PDB file of N, CA and C in Angstrom:
ATOM      1  N   MET A   1     -16.200  -4.385 -11.106  1.00  0.00           N
ATOM      2  CA  MET A   1     -16.264  -5.469 -10.135  1.00  0.00           C
ATOM      3  C   MET A   1     -14.911  -5.591  -9.439  1.00  0.00           C
ATOM      4  N   GLN A   2     -14.928  -5.595  -8.134  1.00  0.00           N
ATOM      5  CA  GLN A   2     -13.697  -5.727  -7.379  1.00  0.00           C
ATOM      6  C   GLN A   2     -13.423  -7.197  -7.126  1.00  0.00           C
ATOM      7  N   HIS A   3     -12.197  -7.590  -7.292  1.00  0.00           N
ATOM      8  CA  HIS A   3     -11.815  -8.973  -7.028  1.00  0.00           C
ATOM      9  C   HIS A   3     -10.363  -9.027  -6.586  1.00  0.00           C
ATOM     10  N   ILE A   4      -9.993 -10.128  -6.000  1.00  0.00           N
ATOM     11  CA  ILE A   4      -8.632 -10.324  -5.512  1.00  0.00           C
ATOM     12  C   ILE A   4      -7.764 -10.797  -6.664  1.00  0.00           C
ATOM     13  N   GLN A   5      -6.633 -10.118  -6.857  1.00  0.00           N
ATOM     14  CA  GLN A   5      -5.686 -10.550  -7.879  1.00  0.00           C
ATOM     15  C   GLN A   5      -4.600 -11.362  -7.199  1.00  0.00           C
ATOM     16  N   ARG A   6      -4.443 -12.568  -7.654  1.00  0.00           N
ATOM     17  CA  ARG A   6      -3.457 -13.458  -7.049  1.00  0.00           C
ATOM     18  C   ARG A   6      -2.080 -13.203  -7.632  1.00  0.00           C
ATOM     19  N   ILE A   7      -1.052 -13.485  -6.849  1.00  0.00           N
ATOM     20  CA  ILE A   7       0.333 -13.384  -7.288  1.00  0.00           C
ATOM     21  C   ILE A   7       0.737 -14.731  -7.867  1.00  0.00           C
ATOM     22  N   SER A   8       1.429 -14.670  -8.970  1.00  0.00           N
ATOM     23  CA  SER A   8       1.865 -15.900  -9.617  1.00  0.00           C
ATOM     24  C   SER A   8       2.760 -16.694  -8.671  1.00  0.00           C
ATOM     25  N   ARG A   9       2.552 -17.972  -8.603  1.00  0.00           N
ATOM     26  CA  ARG A   9       3.373 -18.834  -7.746  1.00  0.00           C
ATOM     27  C   ARG A   9       4.763 -19.055  -8.331  1.00  0.00           C
ATOM     28  N   GLN A  10       4.941 -18.666  -9.586  1.00  0.00           N
ATOM     29  CA  GLN A  10       6.227 -18.846 -10.248  1.00  0.00           C
ATOM     30  C   GLN A  10       7.189 -17.686  -9.958  1.00  0.00           C
ATOM     31  N   GLN A  11       6.708 -16.625  -9.308  1.00  0.00           N
ATOM     32  CA  GLN A  11       7.553 -15.475  -9.001  1.00  0.00           C
ATOM     33  C   GLN A  11       8.274 -15.677  -7.677  1.00  0.00           C
ATOM     34  N   MET A  12       9.467 -15.087  -7.598  1.00  0.00           N
ATOM     35  CA  MET A  12      10.232 -15.111  -6.354  1.00  0.00           C
ATOM     36  C   MET A  12      10.404 -13.690  -5.851  1.00  0.00           C
ATOM     37  N   CYS A  13      10.168 -13.478  -4.596  1.00  0.00           N
ATOM     38  CA  CYS A  13      10.377 -12.170  -3.990  1.00  0.00           C
ATOM     39  C   CYS A  13      11.556 -12.296  -3.033  1.00  0.00           C
ATOM     40  N   ILE A  14      12.666 -11.686  -3.411  1.00  0.00           N
ATOM     41  CA  ILE A  14      13.880 -11.829  -2.621  1.00  0.00           C
ATOM     42  C   ILE A  14      14.015 -10.721  -1.570  1.00  0.00           C
ATOM     43  N   SER A  15      13.648  -9.482  -1.946  1.00  0.00           N
ATOM     44  CA  SER A  15      13.801  -8.370  -1.009  1.00  0.00           C
ATOM     45  C   SER A  15      12.510  -7.573  -0.929  1.00  0.00           C
ATOM     46  N   SER A  16      12.413  -6.762   0.092  1.00  0.00           N
ATOM     47  CA  SER A  16      11.232  -5.928   0.261  1.00  0.00           C
ATOM     48  C   SER A  16      11.540  -4.505  -0.200  1.00  0.00           C
ATOM     49  N   LEU A  17      10.506  -3.702  -0.319  1.00  0.00           N
ATOM     50  CA  LEU A  17      10.686  -2.309  -0.693  1.00  0.00           C
ATOM     51  C   LEU A  17      11.459  -1.563   0.389  1.00  0.00           C
ATOM     52  N   GLU A  18      11.257  -1.934   1.631  1.00  0.00           N
ATOM     53  CA  GLU A  18      12.001  -1.320   2.740  1.00  0.00           C
ATOM     54  C   GLU A  18      13.506  -1.526   2.568  1.00  0.00           C
ATOM     55  N   ASP A  19      13.893  -2.693   2.090  1.00  0.00           N
ATOM     56  CA  ASP A  19      15.309  -2.969   1.872  1.00  0.00           C
ATOM     57  C   ASP A  19      15.868  -2.172   0.698  1.00  0.00           C
ATOM     58  N   ALA A  20      15.022  -1.876  -0.288  1.00  0.00           N
ATOM     59  CA  ALA A  20      15.478  -1.194  -1.498  1.00  0.00           C
ATOM     60  C   ALA A  20      15.633   0.309  -1.308  1.00  0.00           C
ATOM     61  N   ILE A  21      14.946   0.899  -0.321  1.00  0.00           N
ATOM     62  CA  ILE A  21      14.991   2.351  -0.096  1.00  0.00           C
ATOM     63  C   ILE A  21      15.903   2.635   1.086  1.00  0.00           C
ATOM     64  N   SER A  22      16.894   3.475   0.859  1.00  0.00           N
ATOM     65  CA  SER A  22      17.854   3.779   1.928  1.00  0.00           C
ATOM     66  C   SER A  22      17.182   4.565   3.053  1.00  0.00           C
ATOM     67  N   ALA A  23      17.770   4.515   4.223  1.00  0.00           N
ATOM     68  CA  ALA A  23      17.195   5.144   5.410  1.00  0.00           C
ATOM     69  C   ALA A  23      17.129   6.668   5.298  1.00  0.00           C
ATOM     70  N   ASP A  24      18.013   7.275   4.512  1.00  0.00           N
ATOM     71  CA  ASP A  24      18.025   8.735   4.381  1.00  0.00           C
ATOM     72  C   ASP A  24      17.369   9.226   3.087  1.00  0.00           C
ATOM     73  N   ASN A  25      16.618   8.379   2.409  1.00  0.00           N
ATOM     74  CA  ASN A  25      15.951   8.766   1.182  1.00  0.00           C
ATOM     75  C   ASN A  25      14.803   9.722   1.482  1.00  0.00           C
ATOM     76  N   GLN A  26      14.572  10.695   0.601  1.00  0.00           N
ATOM     77  CA  GLN A  26      13.529  11.705   0.801  1.00  0.00           C
ATOM     78  C   GLN A  26      12.128  11.115   0.811  1.00  0.00           C
ATOM     79  N   VAL A  27      11.938   9.990   0.170  1.00  0.00           N
ATOM     80  CA  VAL A  27      10.614   9.391   0.114  1.00  0.00           C
ATOM     81  C   VAL A  27      10.134   8.966   1.499  1.00  0.00           C
ATOM     82  N   ARG A  28      11.042   8.713   2.414  1.00  0.00           N
ATOM     83  CA  ARG A  28      10.643   8.356   3.783  1.00  0.00           C
ATOM     84  C   ARG A  28       9.997   9.550   4.495  1.00  0.00           C
ATOM     85  N   PHE A  29      10.473  10.764   4.211  1.00  0.00           N
ATOM     86  CA  PHE A  29       9.851  11.970   4.769  1.00  0.00           C
ATOM     87  C   PHE A  29       8.445  12.142   4.212  1.00  0.00           C
ATOM     88  N   VAL A  30       8.300  11.959   2.900  1.00  0.00           N
ATOM     89  CA  VAL A  30       6.985  12.089   2.266  1.00  0.00           C
ATOM     90  C   VAL A  30       6.019  11.059   2.845  1.00  0.00           C
ATOM     91  N   ASP A  31       6.478   9.835   3.023  1.00  0.00           N
ATOM     92  CA  ASP A  31       5.643   8.780   3.600  1.00  0.00           C
ATOM     93  C   ASP A  31       5.185   9.157   5.008  1.00  0.00           C
ATOM     94  N   ALA A  32       6.087   9.649   5.832  1.00  0.00           N
ATOM     95  CA  ALA A  32       5.734  10.031   7.204  1.00  0.00           C
ATOM     96  C   ALA A  32       4.756  11.205   7.204  1.00  0.00           C
ATOM     97  N   PHE A  33       4.950  12.167   6.299  1.00  0.00           N
ATOM     98  CA  PHE A  33       4.071  13.329   6.225  1.00  0.00           C
ATOM     99  C   PHE A  33       2.659  12.926   5.808  1.00  0.00           C
ATOM    100  N   VAL A  34       2.544  12.097   4.786  1.00  0.00           N
ATOM    101  CA  VAL A  34       1.236  11.666   4.297  1.00  0.00           C
ATOM    102  C   VAL A  34       0.528  10.817   5.349  1.00  0.00           C
ATOM    103  N   THR A  35       1.262   9.994   6.065  1.00  0.00           N
ATOM    104  CA  THR A  35       0.672   9.179   7.131  1.00  0.00           C
ATOM    105  C   THR A  35       0.115  10.067   8.244  1.00  0.00           C
ATOM    106  N   PHE A  36       0.776  11.203   8.493  1.00  0.00           N
ATOM    107  CA  PHE A  36       0.373  12.133   9.544  1.00  0.00           C
ATOM    108  C   PHE A  36      -0.933  12.860   9.198  1.00  0.00           C
ATOM    109  N   LEU A  37      -1.203  13.085   7.911  1.00  0.00           N
ATOM    110  CA  LEU A  37      -2.380  13.832   7.487  1.00  0.00           C
ATOM    111  C   LEU A  37      -3.676  13.074   7.786  1.00  0.00           C
ATOM    112  N   ASP A  38      -4.719  13.822   8.090  1.00  0.00           N
ATOM    113  CA  ASP A  38      -6.047  13.237   8.281  1.00  0.00           C
ATOM    114  C   ASP A  38      -6.773  13.313   6.944  1.00  0.00           C
ATOM    115  N   SER A  39      -6.791  12.196   6.230  1.00  0.00           N
ATOM    116  CA  SER A  39      -7.333  12.191   4.872  1.00  0.00           C
ATOM    117  C   SER A  39      -8.827  12.482   4.830  1.00  0.00           C
ATOM    118  N   GLU A  40      -9.577  12.090   5.846  1.00  0.00           N
ATOM    119  CA  GLU A  40     -11.019  12.360   5.852  1.00  0.00           C
ATOM    120  C   GLU A  40     -11.299  13.851   5.967  1.00  0.00           C
ATOM    121  N   LYS A  41     -10.518  14.574   6.755  1.00  0.00           N
ATOM    122  CA  LYS A  41     -10.693  16.023   6.863  1.00  0.00           C
ATOM    123  C   LYS A  41     -10.331  16.727   5.563  1.00  0.00           C
ATOM    124  N   LEU A  42      -9.488  16.118   4.769  1.00  0.00           N
ATOM    125  CA  LEU A  42      -9.095  16.697   3.486  1.00  0.00           C
ATOM    126  C   LEU A  42     -10.073  16.334   2.370  1.00  0.00           C
ATOM    127  N   GLY A  43     -11.087  15.544   2.678  1.00  0.00           N
ATOM    128  CA  GLY A  43     -12.114  15.215   1.704  1.00  0.00           C
ATOM    129  C   GLY A  43     -11.927  13.888   1.000  1.00  0.00           C
ATOM    130  N   PHE A  44     -10.966  13.101   1.427  1.00  0.00           N
ATOM    131  CA  PHE A  44     -10.758  11.787   0.822  1.00  0.00           C
ATOM    132  C   PHE A  44     -11.594  10.754   1.565  1.00  0.00           C
ATOM    133  N   ARG A  45     -12.075   9.788   0.840  1.00  0.00           N
ATOM    134  CA  ARG A  45     -12.782   8.678   1.478  1.00  0.00           C
ATOM    135  C   ARG A  45     -12.302   7.390   0.841  1.00  0.00           C
ATOM    136  N   SER A  46     -12.403   6.312   1.583  1.00  0.00           N
ATOM    137  CA  SER A  46     -11.930   5.036   1.061  1.00  0.00           C
ATOM    138  C   SER A  46     -13.110   4.109   0.827  1.00  0.00           C
ATOM    139  N   ASN A  47     -13.015   3.351  -0.231  1.00  0.00           N
ATOM    140  CA  ASN A  47     -14.011   2.322  -0.514  1.00  0.00           C
ATOM    141  C   ASN A  47     -13.457   1.005  -0.018  1.00  0.00           C
ATOM    142  N   SER A  48     -14.267   0.283   0.716  1.00  0.00           N
ATOM    143  CA  SER A  48     -13.806  -1.001   1.219  1.00  0.00           C
ATOM    144  C   SER A  48     -14.605  -2.116   0.560  1.00  0.00           C
ATOM    145  N   ILE A  49     -13.978  -3.229   0.416  1.00  0.00           N
ATOM    146  CA  ILE A  49     -14.634  -4.407  -0.125  1.00  0.00           C
ATOM    147  C   ILE A  49     -15.484  -5.009   0.985  1.00  0.00           C
ATOM    148  N   GLU A  50     -16.732  -5.257   0.679  1.00  0.00           N
ATOM    149  CA  GLU A  50     -17.654  -5.747   1.717  1.00  0.00           C
ATOM    150  C   GLU A  50     -17.380  -7.199   2.096  1.00  0.00           C
ATOM    151  N   SER A  51     -16.863  -7.972   1.179  1.00  0.00           N
ATOM    152  CA  SER A  51     -16.528  -9.340   1.500  1.00  0.00           C
ATOM    153  C   SER A  51     -15.152  -9.657   0.941  1.00  0.00           C
ATOM    154  N   GLU A  52     -14.459 -10.543   1.566  1.00  0.00           N
ATOM    155  CA  GLU A  52     -13.120 -10.892   1.123  1.00  0.00           C
ATOM    156  C   GLU A  52     -13.088 -12.309   0.609  1.00  0.00           C
ATOM    157  N   GLY A  53     -12.168 -12.556  -0.267  1.00  0.00           N
ATOM    158  CA  GLY A  53     -11.992 -13.883  -0.808  1.00  0.00           C
ATOM    159  C   GLY A  53     -12.801 -14.098  -2.071  1.00  0.00           C
ATOM    160  N   PRO A  54     -12.510 -15.158  -2.744  1.00  0.00           N
ATOM    161  CA  PRO A  54     -13.251 -15.458  -3.976  1.00  0.00           C
ATOM    162  C   PRO A  54     -14.696 -15.813  -3.675  1.00  0.00           C
ATOM    163  N   PRO A  55     -15.593 -15.599  -4.649  1.00  0.00           N
ATOM    164  CA  PRO A  55     -17.014 -15.917  -4.410  1.00  0.00           C
ATOM    165  C   PRO A  55     -17.232 -17.413  -4.213  1.00  0.00           C
TER     166      PRO A  55
END
């Protein structure tokens, strides 16, 4: 069963992942390469939730 997982209200988020990864890090190349690929042509498909929010 798919459901929305809520984030605890007691947590604090001070920085983003973009701030934590330097501009010249290799992971940025991998991210750009994967974004460029056509996942459907490679045989990947995505499952989407038909409705959003709690029941």
